[in-house]
C-alpha atoms as a PDB file:
ATOM      1  CA  UNK A   1      -3.101  -4.283   6.607  1.00  0.00           C
ATOM      2  CA  UNK A   2      -3.004  -0.626   5.672  1.00  0.00           C
ATOM      3  CA  UNK A   3      -4.572   0.928   2.589  1.00  0.00           C
ATOM      4  CA  UNK A   4      -2.458   3.114   0.312  1.00  0.00           C
ATOM      5  CA  UNK A   5      -3.021   4.595  -3.130  1.00  0.00           C
ATOM      6  CA  UNK A   6      -0.663   3.670  -5.921  1.00  0.00           C
ATOM      7  CA  UNK A   7       0.406   6.350  -8.380  1.00  0.00           C
ATOM      8  CA  UNK A   8      -2.234   5.126 -10.899  1.00  0.00           C
ATOM      9  CA  UNK A   9      -5.054   5.745  -8.330  1.00  0.00           C
ATOM     10  CA  UNK A  10      -5.470   2.049  -7.504  1.00  0.00           C
ATOM     11  CA  UNK A  11      -5.998   1.454  -3.795  1.00  0.00           C
ATOM     12  CA  UNK A  12      -4.132  -1.534  -2.371  1.00  0.00           C
ATOM     13  CA  UNK A  13      -3.737  -3.125   1.038  1.00  0.00           C
ATOM     14  CA  UNK A  14      -0.187  -3.765   2.182  1.00  0.00           C
ATOM     15  CA  UNK A  15       1.278  -5.598   5.131  1.00  0.00           C
ATOM     16  CA  UNK A  16       3.239  -3.042   7.183  1.00  0.00           C
ATOM     17  CA  UNK A  17       5.209  -5.851   8.833  1.00  0.00           C
ATOM     18  CA  UNK A  18       6.956  -6.431   5.490  1.00  0.00           C
ATOM     19  CA  UNK A  19       7.873  -2.776   4.967  1.00  0.00           C
ATOM     20  CA  UNK A  20      11.574  -2.102   5.165  1.00  0.00           C
ATOM     21  CA  UNK A  21      12.065   1.487   3.947  1.00  0.00           C
ATOM     22  CA  UNK A  22       9.750   4.407   3.149  1.00  0.00           C
ATOM     23  CA  UNK A  23      11.427   7.244   1.274  1.00  0.00           C
ATOM     24  CA  UNK A  24      10.366  10.399  -0.566  1.00  0.00           C
ATOM     25  CA  UNK A  25      12.365  10.947  -3.749  1.00  0.00           C
ATOM     26  CA  UNK A  26      10.090  13.100  -4.376  1.00  0.00           C
ATOM     27  CA  UNK A  27       7.484  10.350  -4.849  1.00  0.00           C
ATOM     28  CA  UNK A  28       6.930   8.110  -1.853  1.00  0.00           C
ATOM     29  CA  UNK A  29       8.536   4.721  -2.467  1.00  0.00           C
ATOM     30  CA  UNK A  30       7.847   1.802  -0.129  1.00  0.00           C
ATOM     31  CA  UNK A  31      10.422  -1.001  -0.190  1.00  0.00           C
ATOM     32  CA  UNK A  32       9.534  -4.399   1.218  1.00  0.00           C
ATOM     33  CA  UNK A  33      11.682  -7.138   2.704  1.00  0.00           C
ATOM     34  CA  UNK A  34      10.749  -9.244  -0.331  1.00  0.00           C
ATOM     35  CA  UNK A  35      12.618  -6.826  -2.619  1.00  0.00           C
ATOM     36  CA  UNK A  36       9.434  -5.428  -4.141  1.00  0.00           C
ATOM     37  CA  UNK A  37       8.871  -1.655  -4.308  1.00  0.00           C
ATOM     38  CA  UNK A  38       5.750   0.397  -4.911  1.00  0.00           C
ATOM     39  CA  UNK A  39       5.210   4.115  -5.452  1.00  0.00           C
ATOM     40  CA  UNK A  40       2.295   5.607  -3.532  1.00  0.00           C
ATOM     41  CA  UNK A  41       0.533   8.969  -3.407  1.00  0.00           C
ATOM     42  CA  UNK A  42       0.616   9.233   0.389  1.00  0.00           C
ATOM     43  CA  UNK A  43       3.500  11.147   1.935  1.00  0.00           C
ATOM     44  CA  UNK A  44       6.103   9.452   4.098  1.00  0.00           C
ATOM     45  CA  UNK A  45       4.455  10.994   7.164  1.00  0.00           C
ATOM     46  CA  UNK A  46       1.005   9.724   6.133  1.00  0.00           C
ATOM     47  CA  UNK A  47       2.384   6.198   5.704  1.00  0.00           C
ATOM     48  CA  UNK A  48       4.020   6.470   9.125  1.00  0.00           C
ATOM     49  CA  UNK A  49       0.699   7.556  10.674  1.00  0.00           C
ATOM     50  CA  UNK A  50      -1.149   4.674   8.988  1.00  0.00           C
ATOM     51  CA  UNK A  51       1.363   2.185  10.391  1.00  0.00           C
ATOM     52  CA  UNK A  52       1.129   3.710  13.875  1.00  0.00           C
ATOM     53  CA  UNK A  53      -2.665   3.535  13.777  1.00  0.00           C
ATOM     54  CA  UNK A  54      -2.519  -0.080  12.547  1.00  0.00           C
ATOM     55  CA  UNK A  55      -0.195  -1.077  15.377  1.00  0.00           C
ATOM     56  CA  UNK A  56      -2.389   0.667  17.967  1.00  0.00           C
ATOM     57  CA  UNK A  57      -5.397  -1.299  16.709  1.00  0.00           C
ATOM     58  CA  UNK A  58      -3.493  -4.589  16.820  1.00  0.00           C
ATOM     59  CA  UNK A  59      -2.022  -4.152  20.290  1.00  0.00           C
ATOM     60  CA  UNK A  60      -4.970  -2.386  21.958  1.00  0.00           C
END
């Protein structure tokens, strides 16, 4: 799980395996395979780095 901050300053943990698309429009919107979407404060690049770090921890 990775921790992100929703637009209302609430921190949530999300499963990066369910992420389908991360786009900046200009807010960062994460779309999941379930059809759900959330808007987060982190940039697209920050989300990418969180996912990379998560995967390194899992497969190390």
